[in-house]
PDB file of N, CA and C in Angstrom:
ATOM      1  N   UNK A   1     -16.504   5.736  11.110  1.00  0.00           N
ATOM      2  CA  UNK A   1     -15.100   5.974  11.440  1.00  0.00           C
ATOM      3  C   UNK A   1     -14.506   4.740  12.154  1.00  0.00           C
ATOM      4  N   UNK A   2     -15.252   4.132  13.150  1.00  0.00           N
ATOM      5  CA  UNK A   2     -14.702   3.149  14.012  1.00  0.00           C
ATOM      6  C   UNK A   2     -14.648   1.869  13.034  1.00  0.00           C
ATOM      7  N   UNK A   3     -15.409   1.771  12.190  1.00  0.00           N
ATOM      8  CA  UNK A   3     -15.338   0.528  11.173  1.00  0.00           C
ATOM      9  C   UNK A   3     -13.938   0.567  10.366  1.00  0.00           C
ATOM     10  N   UNK A   4     -13.414   1.723  10.170  1.00  0.00           N
ATOM     11  CA  UNK A   4     -12.142   1.785   9.487  1.00  0.00           C
ATOM     12  C   UNK A   4     -10.872   1.840  10.335  1.00  0.00           C
ATOM     13  N   UNK A   5     -11.086   1.958  11.789  1.00  0.00           N
ATOM     14  CA  UNK A   5      -9.958   1.978  12.548  1.00  0.00           C
ATOM     15  C   UNK A   5      -8.938   0.868  12.449  1.00  0.00           C
ATOM     16  N   UNK A   6      -9.564  -0.359  12.348  1.00  0.00           N
ATOM     17  CA  UNK A   6      -8.834  -1.669  12.296  1.00  0.00           C
ATOM     18  C   UNK A   6      -8.061  -1.504  11.007  1.00  0.00           C
ATOM     19  N   UNK A   7      -8.557  -0.994   9.815  1.00  0.00           N
ATOM     20  CA  UNK A   7      -8.009  -0.960   8.473  1.00  0.00           C
ATOM     21  C   UNK A   7      -6.794   0.053   8.714  1.00  0.00           C
ATOM     22  N   UNK A   8      -6.970   1.074   9.195  1.00  0.00           N
ATOM     23  CA  UNK A   8      -6.115   2.130   9.367  1.00  0.00           C
ATOM     24  C   UNK A   8      -4.744   1.748  10.144  1.00  0.00           C
ATOM     25  N   UNK A   9      -4.900   0.959  11.318  1.00  0.00           N
ATOM     26  CA  UNK A   9      -3.967   0.452  12.290  1.00  0.00           C
ATOM     27  C   UNK A   9      -3.223  -0.408  11.507  1.00  0.00           C
ATOM     28  N   UNK A  10      -4.023  -1.391  10.823  1.00  0.00           N
ATOM     29  CA  UNK A  10      -3.175  -2.441  10.093  1.00  0.00           C
ATOM     30  C   UNK A  10      -2.358  -1.907   8.956  1.00  0.00           C
ATOM     31  N   UNK A  11      -2.800  -0.853   8.254  1.00  0.00           N
ATOM     32  CA  UNK A  11      -1.976  -0.086   7.069  1.00  0.00           C
ATOM     33  C   UNK A  11      -0.873   0.518   7.752  1.00  0.00           C
ATOM     34  N   UNK A  12      -1.023   1.072   8.943  1.00  0.00           N
ATOM     35  CA  UNK A  12       0.185   1.591   9.460  1.00  0.00           C
ATOM     36  C   UNK A  12       1.322   0.608  10.015  1.00  0.00           C
ATOM     37  N   UNK A  13       0.874  -0.417  10.464  1.00  0.00           N
ATOM     38  CA  UNK A  13       1.667  -1.669  10.878  1.00  0.00           C
ATOM     39  C   UNK A  13       2.391  -2.193   9.666  1.00  0.00           C
ATOM     40  N   UNK A  14       1.876  -1.866   8.513  1.00  0.00           N
ATOM     41  CA  UNK A  14       2.543  -2.472   7.301  1.00  0.00           C
ATOM     42  C   UNK A  14       3.545  -1.420   6.737  1.00  0.00           C
ATOM     43  N   UNK A  15       3.873  -0.504   7.629  1.00  0.00           N
ATOM     44  CA  UNK A  15       4.813   0.572   6.969  1.00  0.00           C
ATOM     45  C   UNK A  15       6.206   0.121   6.466  1.00  0.00           C
ATOM     46  N   UNK A  16       6.574  -1.013   6.979  1.00  0.00           N
ATOM     47  CA  UNK A  16       7.987  -1.576   6.586  1.00  0.00           C
ATOM     48  C   UNK A  16       7.847  -2.516   5.538  1.00  0.00           C
ATOM     49  N   UNK A  17       6.750  -2.776   4.965  1.00  0.00           N
ATOM     50  CA  UNK A  17       6.523  -3.908   3.977  1.00  0.00           C
ATOM     51  C   UNK A  17       6.515  -3.499   2.480  1.00  0.00           C
ATOM     52  N   UNK A  18       6.759  -2.173   2.179  1.00  0.00           N
ATOM     53  CA  UNK A  18       6.563  -1.683   0.945  1.00  0.00           C
ATOM     54  C   UNK A  18       7.744  -2.242   0.095  1.00  0.00           C
ATOM     55  N   UNK A  19       7.295  -2.716  -1.261  1.00  0.00           N
ATOM     56  CA  UNK A  19       8.299  -3.151  -2.195  1.00  0.00           C
ATOM     57  C   UNK A  19       8.714  -1.783  -2.894  1.00  0.00           C
ATOM     58  N   UNK A  20      10.232  -1.726  -3.078  1.00  0.00           N
ATOM     59  CA  UNK A  20      10.748  -0.491  -3.634  1.00  0.00           C
ATOM     60  C   UNK A  20      11.957  -0.938  -4.279  1.00  0.00           C
ATOM     61  N   UNK A  21      12.333  -0.211  -5.357  1.00  0.00           N
ATOM     62  CA  UNK A  21      13.497  -0.345  -6.094  1.00  0.00           C
ATOM     63  C   UNK A  21      14.342   0.838  -6.173  1.00  0.00           C
ATOM     64  N   UNK A  22      15.509   0.793  -6.022  1.00  0.00           N
ATOM     65  CA  UNK A  22      16.511   1.912  -6.131  1.00  0.00           C
ATOM     66  C   UNK A  22      17.190   1.735  -7.501  1.00  0.00           C
ATOM     67  N   UNK A  23      17.024   2.546  -8.506  1.00  0.00           N
ATOM     68  CA  UNK A  23      17.617   2.526  -9.769  1.00  0.00           C
ATOM     69  C   UNK A  23      19.111   2.674  -9.640  1.00  0.00           C
ATOM     70  N   UNK A  24      19.830   1.639 -10.349  1.00  0.00           N
ATOM     71  CA  UNK A  24      21.242   1.488 -10.232  1.00  0.00           C
ATOM     72  C   UNK A  24      21.999   2.816 -10.642  1.00  0.00           C
ATOM     73  N   UNK A  25      21.369   3.648 -11.572  1.00  0.00           N
ATOM     74  CA  UNK A  25      22.075   4.786 -12.126  1.00  0.00           C
ATOM     75  C   UNK A  25      21.603   6.200 -11.285  1.00  0.00           C
ATOM     76  N   UNK A  26      20.753   5.853 -10.190  1.00  0.00           N
ATOM     77  CA  UNK A  26      20.271   6.956  -9.526  1.00  0.00           C
ATOM     78  C   UNK A  26      18.823   7.151  -9.895  1.00  0.00           C
ATOM     79  N   UNK A  27      18.355   8.335  -9.422  1.00  0.00           N
ATOM     80  CA  UNK A  27      16.934   8.685  -9.772  1.00  0.00           C
ATOM     81  C   UNK A  27      16.026   8.385  -8.581  1.00  0.00           C
ATOM     82  N   UNK A  28      14.802   8.596  -8.713  1.00  0.00           N
ATOM     83  CA  UNK A  28      13.862   8.488  -7.590  1.00  0.00           C
ATOM     84  C   UNK A  28      13.572   7.036  -7.409  1.00  0.00           C
ATOM     85  N   UNK A  29      13.286   6.662  -6.154  1.00  0.00           N
ATOM     86  CA  UNK A  29      12.867   5.464  -5.682  1.00  0.00           C
ATOM     87  C   UNK A  29      11.591   5.010  -6.412  1.00  0.00           C
ATOM     88  N   UNK A  30      11.553   3.700  -6.889  1.00  0.00           N
ATOM     89  CA  UNK A  30      10.345   3.242  -7.634  1.00  0.00           C
ATOM     90  C   UNK A  30       9.625   2.249  -6.465  1.00  0.00           C
ATOM     91  N   UNK A  31       8.372   2.829  -6.168  1.00  0.00           N
ATOM     92  CA  UNK A  31       7.482   2.226  -5.239  1.00  0.00           C
ATOM     93  C   UNK A  31       6.517   1.290  -5.982  1.00  0.00           C
ATOM     94  N   UNK A  32       6.612   0.022  -5.503  1.00  0.00           N
ATOM     95  CA  UNK A  32       5.648  -0.875  -6.296  1.00  0.00           C
ATOM     96  C   UNK A  32       4.421  -1.257  -5.514  1.00  0.00           C
ATOM     97  N   UNK A  33       4.453  -1.145  -4.163  1.00  0.00           N
ATOM     98  CA  UNK A  33       3.378  -1.499  -3.348  1.00  0.00           C
ATOM     99  C   UNK A  33       3.779  -2.472  -2.166  1.00  0.00           C
ATOM    100  N   UNK A  34       2.641  -2.888  -1.594  1.00  0.00           N
ATOM    101  CA  UNK A  34       2.874  -3.864  -0.379  1.00  0.00           C
ATOM    102  C   UNK A  34       2.839  -5.320  -0.690  1.00  0.00           C
ATOM    103  N   UNK A  35       3.556  -6.051   0.052  1.00  0.00           N
ATOM    104  CA  UNK A  35       3.679  -7.510  -0.143  1.00  0.00           C
ATOM    105  C   UNK A  35       2.256  -8.080   0.313  1.00  0.00           C
ATOM    106  N   UNK A  36       1.430  -8.678  -0.445  1.00  0.00           N
ATOM    107  CA  UNK A  36       0.224  -9.120  -0.062  1.00  0.00           C
ATOM    108  C   UNK A  36       0.070 -10.180   0.972  1.00  0.00           C
ATOM    109  N   UNK A  37       1.103 -10.944   0.925  1.00  0.00           N
ATOM    110  CA  UNK A  37       1.299 -12.144   1.831  1.00  0.00           C
ATOM    111  C   UNK A  37       1.654 -11.578   3.310  1.00  0.00           C
ATOM    112  N   UNK A  38       2.468 -10.781   3.335  1.00  0.00           N
ATOM    113  CA  UNK A  38       2.826 -10.150   4.419  1.00  0.00           C
ATOM    114  C   UNK A  38       1.752  -9.197   5.032  1.00  0.00           C
ATOM    115  N   UNK A  39       1.026  -8.656   4.256  1.00  0.00           N
ATOM    116  CA  UNK A  39      -0.094  -7.815   4.691  1.00  0.00           C
ATOM    117  C   UNK A  39      -1.165  -8.758   5.422  1.00  0.00           C
ATOM    118  N   UNK A  40      -1.344  -9.996   4.843  1.00  0.00           N
ATOM    119  CA  UNK A  40      -2.292 -10.942   5.420  1.00  0.00           C
ATOM    120  C   UNK A  40      -1.706 -11.365   6.780  1.00  0.00           C
ATOM    121  N   UNK A  41      -0.479 -11.527   6.973  1.00  0.00           N
ATOM    122  CA  UNK A  41       0.262 -11.903   8.282  1.00  0.00           C
ATOM    123  C   UNK A  41      -0.029 -10.743   9.387  1.00  0.00           C
ATOM    124  N   UNK A  42       0.149  -9.548   8.922  1.00  0.00           N
ATOM    125  CA  UNK A  42      -0.103  -8.478   9.805  1.00  0.00           C
ATOM    126  C   UNK A  42      -1.581  -8.445  10.331  1.00  0.00           C
ATOM    127  N   UNK A  43      -2.518  -8.616   9.301  1.00  0.00           N
ATOM    128  CA  UNK A  43      -3.773  -8.581   9.527  1.00  0.00           C
ATOM    129  C   UNK A  43      -4.195  -9.613  10.655  1.00  0.00           C
ATOM    130  N   UNK A  44      -3.663 -10.953  10.482  1.00  0.00           N
ATOM    131  CA  UNK A  44      -4.016 -11.979  11.305  1.00  0.00           C
ATOM    132  C   UNK A  44      -3.458 -11.907  12.566  1.00  0.00           C
ATOM    133  N   UNK A  45      -2.138 -11.331  12.714  1.00  0.00           N
ATOM    134  CA  UNK A  45      -1.305 -10.974  13.966  1.00  0.00           C
ATOM    135  C   UNK A  45      -2.185 -10.032  14.821  1.00  0.00           C
ATOM    136  N   UNK A  46      -2.845  -9.154  14.161  1.00  0.00           N
ATOM    137  CA  UNK A  46      -3.634  -8.217  14.805  1.00  0.00           C
ATOM    138  C   UNK A  46      -5.004  -8.888  15.330  1.00  0.00           C
ATOM    139  N   UNK A  47      -5.257 -10.153  14.998  1.00  0.00           N
ATOM    140  CA  UNK A  47      -6.419 -10.782  15.537  1.00  0.00           C
ATOM    141  C   UNK A  47      -7.748 -10.859  14.766  1.00  0.00           C
ATOM    142  N   UNK A  48      -7.462 -10.415  13.449  1.00  0.00           N
ATOM    143  CA  UNK A  48      -8.548 -10.514  12.509  1.00  0.00           C
ATOM    144  C   UNK A  48      -8.649 -11.696  11.710  1.00  0.00           C
ATOM    145  N   UNK A  49      -9.886 -12.271  11.525  1.00  0.00           N
ATOM    146  CA  UNK A  49     -10.010 -13.572  10.899  1.00  0.00           C
ATOM    147  C   UNK A  49     -11.284 -13.423   9.881  1.00  0.00           C
ATOM    148  N   UNK A  50     -11.317 -14.326   8.980  1.00  0.00           N
ATOM    149  CA  UNK A  50     -12.616 -14.395   8.038  1.00  0.00           C
ATOM    150  C   UNK A  50     -13.034 -13.337   7.453  1.00  0.00           C
ATOM    151  N   UNK A  51     -14.114 -13.053   7.335  1.00  0.00           N
ATOM    152  CA  UNK A  51     -14.903 -11.834   6.593  1.00  0.00           C
ATOM    153  C   UNK A  51     -14.218 -10.532   6.936  1.00  0.00           C
ATOM    154  N   UNK A  52     -13.983 -10.329   8.264  1.00  0.00           N
ATOM    155  CA  UNK A  52     -13.434  -9.022   8.781  1.00  0.00           C
ATOM    156  C   UNK A  52     -12.086  -8.869   8.286  1.00  0.00           C
ATOM    157  N   UNK A  53     -11.232  -9.926   8.280  1.00  0.00           N
ATOM    158  CA  UNK A  53      -9.788  -9.766   7.651  1.00  0.00           C
ATOM    159  C   UNK A  53      -9.919  -9.402   6.191  1.00  0.00           C
ATOM    160  N   UNK A  54     -10.905 -10.131   5.440  1.00  0.00           N
ATOM    161  CA  UNK A  54     -10.939  -9.711   3.956  1.00  0.00           C
ATOM    162  C   UNK A  54     -11.329  -8.319   3.864  1.00  0.00           C
ATOM    163  N   UNK A  55     -12.234  -7.689   4.641  1.00  0.00           N
ATOM    164  CA  UNK A  55     -12.663  -6.291   4.558  1.00  0.00           C
ATOM    165  C   UNK A  55     -11.448  -5.441   4.956  1.00  0.00           C
ATOM    166  N   UNK A  56     -10.731  -5.832   5.898  1.00  0.00           N
ATOM    167  CA  UNK A  56      -9.437  -4.967   6.239  1.00  0.00           C
ATOM    168  C   UNK A  56      -8.478  -4.983   4.951  1.00  0.00           C
ATOM    169  N   UNK A  57      -8.187  -6.174   4.522  1.00  0.00           N
ATOM    170  CA  UNK A  57      -7.323  -6.350   3.434  1.00  0.00           C
ATOM    171  C   UNK A  57      -7.886  -5.448   2.144  1.00  0.00           C
ATOM    172  N   UNK A  58      -9.162  -5.609   1.900  1.00  0.00           N
ATOM    173  CA  UNK A  58      -9.638  -4.616   0.878  1.00  0.00           C
ATOM    174  C   UNK A  58      -9.363  -3.161   0.997  1.00  0.00           C
ATOM    175  N   UNK A  59      -9.679  -2.751   2.304  1.00  0.00           N
ATOM    176  CA  UNK A  59      -9.339  -1.453   2.677  1.00  0.00           C
ATOM    177  C   UNK A  59      -7.945  -0.972   2.525  1.00  0.00           C
ATOM    178  N   UNK A  60      -7.008  -1.993   3.011  1.00  0.00           N
ATOM    179  CA  UNK A  60      -5.532  -1.527   2.776  1.00  0.00           C
ATOM    180  C   UNK A  60      -5.201  -1.399   1.264  1.00  0.00           C
ATOM    181  N   UNK A  61      -5.753  -2.146   0.579  1.00  0.00           N
ATOM    182  CA  UNK A  61      -5.562  -2.044  -0.963  1.00  0.00           C
ATOM    183  C   UNK A  61      -6.005  -0.644  -1.529  1.00  0.00           C
ATOM    184  N   UNK A  62      -7.233  -0.273  -1.068  1.00  0.00           N
ATOM    185  CA  UNK A  62      -7.536   1.179  -1.352  1.00  0.00           C
ATOM    186  C   UNK A  62      -6.501   2.185  -0.922  1.00  0.00           C
ATOM    187  N   UNK A  63      -6.057   2.065   0.306  1.00  0.00           N
ATOM    188  CA  UNK A  63      -5.135   3.001   0.939  1.00  0.00           C
ATOM    189  C   UNK A  63      -3.779   2.804   0.038  1.00  0.00           C
ATOM    190  N   UNK A  64      -3.459   1.656  -0.288  1.00  0.00           N
ATOM    191  CA  UNK A  64      -2.108   1.403  -0.930  1.00  0.00           C
ATOM    192  C   UNK A  64      -2.206   2.249  -2.378  1.00  0.00           C
ATOM    193  N   UNK A  65      -3.446   1.952  -2.982  1.00  0.00           N
ATOM    194  CA  UNK A  65      -3.581   2.557  -4.494  1.00  0.00           C
ATOM    195  C   UNK A  65      -3.403   4.071  -4.209  1.00  0.00           C
ATOM    196  N   UNK A  66      -3.976   4.701  -3.210  1.00  0.00           N
ATOM    197  CA  UNK A  66      -4.051   6.103  -3.071  1.00  0.00           C
ATOM    198  C   UNK A  66      -2.633   6.553  -2.738  1.00  0.00           C
ATOM    199  N   UNK A  67      -1.790   5.843  -2.032  1.00  0.00           N
ATOM    200  CA  UNK A  67      -0.391   6.211  -1.710  1.00  0.00           C
ATOM    201  C   UNK A  67       0.415   6.115  -2.828  1.00  0.00           C
ATOM    202  N   UNK A  68       0.245   5.081  -3.695  1.00  0.00           N
ATOM    203  CA  UNK A  68       0.937   4.897  -4.921  1.00  0.00           C
ATOM    204  C   UNK A  68       0.643   6.032  -5.819  1.00  0.00           C
ATOM    205  N   UNK A  69      -0.540   6.494  -5.694  1.00  0.00           N
ATOM    206  CA  UNK A  69      -0.685   7.556  -6.711  1.00  0.00           C
ATOM    207  C   UNK A  69      -0.159   8.869  -6.370  1.00  0.00           C
ATOM    208  N   UNK A  70       0.214   9.065  -5.041  1.00  0.00           N
ATOM    209  CA  UNK A  70       0.978  10.174  -4.565  1.00  0.00           C
ATOM    210  C   UNK A  70       2.473   9.963  -4.812  1.00  0.00           C
ATOM    211  N   UNK A  71       3.064   8.675  -4.582  1.00  0.00           N
ATOM    212  CA  UNK A  71       4.327   8.456  -4.879  1.00  0.00           C
ATOM    213  C   UNK A  71       4.554   8.656  -6.380  1.00  0.00           C
ATOM    214  N   UNK A  72       3.732   8.199  -7.275  1.00  0.00           N
ATOM    215  CA  UNK A  72       3.998   8.327  -8.715  1.00  0.00           C
ATOM    216  C   UNK A  72       2.815   8.923  -9.197  1.00  0.00           C
ATOM    217  N   UNK A  73       2.753  10.292  -9.263  1.00  0.00           N
ATOM    218  CA  UNK A  73       1.624  10.930  -9.958  1.00  0.00           C
ATOM    219  C   UNK A  73       1.557  10.841 -11.385  1.00  0.00           C
ATOM    220  N   UNK A  74       0.425  10.830 -12.013  1.00  0.00           N
ATOM    221  CA  UNK A  74       0.324  10.509 -13.501  1.00  0.00           C
ATOM    222  C   UNK A  74       1.247  11.661 -14.314  1.00  0.00           C
ATOM    223  N   UNK A  75       1.880  11.139 -15.286  1.00  0.00           N
ATOM    224  CA  UNK A  75       2.617  12.118 -16.163  1.00  0.00           C
ATOM    225  C   UNK A  75       1.567  12.794 -16.978  1.00  0.00           C
ATOM    226  N   UNK A  76       1.655  14.158 -17.073  1.00  0.00           N
ATOM    227  CA  UNK A  76       0.816  14.811 -18.113  1.00  0.00           C
ATOM    228  C   UNK A  76       1.132  14.494 -19.564  1.00  0.00           C
ATOM    229  N   UNK A  77       0.019  14.357 -20.406  1.00  0.00           N
ATOM    230  CA  UNK A  77       0.343  14.024 -21.739  1.00  0.00           C
ATOM    231  C   UNK A  77       1.322  14.906 -22.515  1.00  0.00           C
ATOM    232  N   UNK A  78       1.227  16.115 -22.164  1.00  0.00           N
ATOM    233  CA  UNK A  78       2.152  17.070 -22.915  1.00  0.00           C
ATOM    234  C   UNK A  78       3.636  16.810 -22.565  1.00  0.00           C
ATOM    235  N   UNK A  79       3.728  16.285 -21.188  1.00  0.00           N
ATOM    236  CA  UNK A  79       5.105  16.096 -20.703  1.00  0.00           C
ATOM    237  C   UNK A  79       5.538  14.858 -21.312  1.00  0.00           C
ATOM    238  N   UNK A  80       4.644  13.864 -21.390  1.00  0.00           N
ATOM    239  CA  UNK A  80       5.166  12.549 -22.003  1.00  0.00           C
ATOM    240  C   UNK A  80       5.559  12.670 -23.527  1.00  0.00           C
ATOM    241  N   UNK A  81       5.035  13.595 -24.088  1.00  0.00           N
ATOM    242  CA  UNK A  81       5.259  13.636 -25.547  1.00  0.00           C
ATOM    243  C   UNK A  81       6.551  14.389 -25.928  1.00  0.00           C
ATOM    244  N   UNK A  82       7.185  15.075 -24.840  1.00  0.00           N
ATOM    245  CA  UNK A  82       8.305  15.810 -25.076  1.00  0.00           C
ATOM    246  C   UNK A  82       9.645  14.982 -25.032  1.00  0.00           C
TER     247      UNK A  82
END
């Protein structure tokens, strides 16, 4: 658990860095993900360098993918065909 604490804290520090689009005709927000260059800045500002920074970045990518799966759940095949 302690190995992941830095990753969780860095992920939470990235909460304002999400790329999102607002459709001009309305509809739900389209979440695209985090800005990788800004995520790197957050990691380094938190004092992490080298291999540890790389590990944290990889962990944030896993958390980002999980969040995006919640924001945009897969469409069921039967619903897509309608």
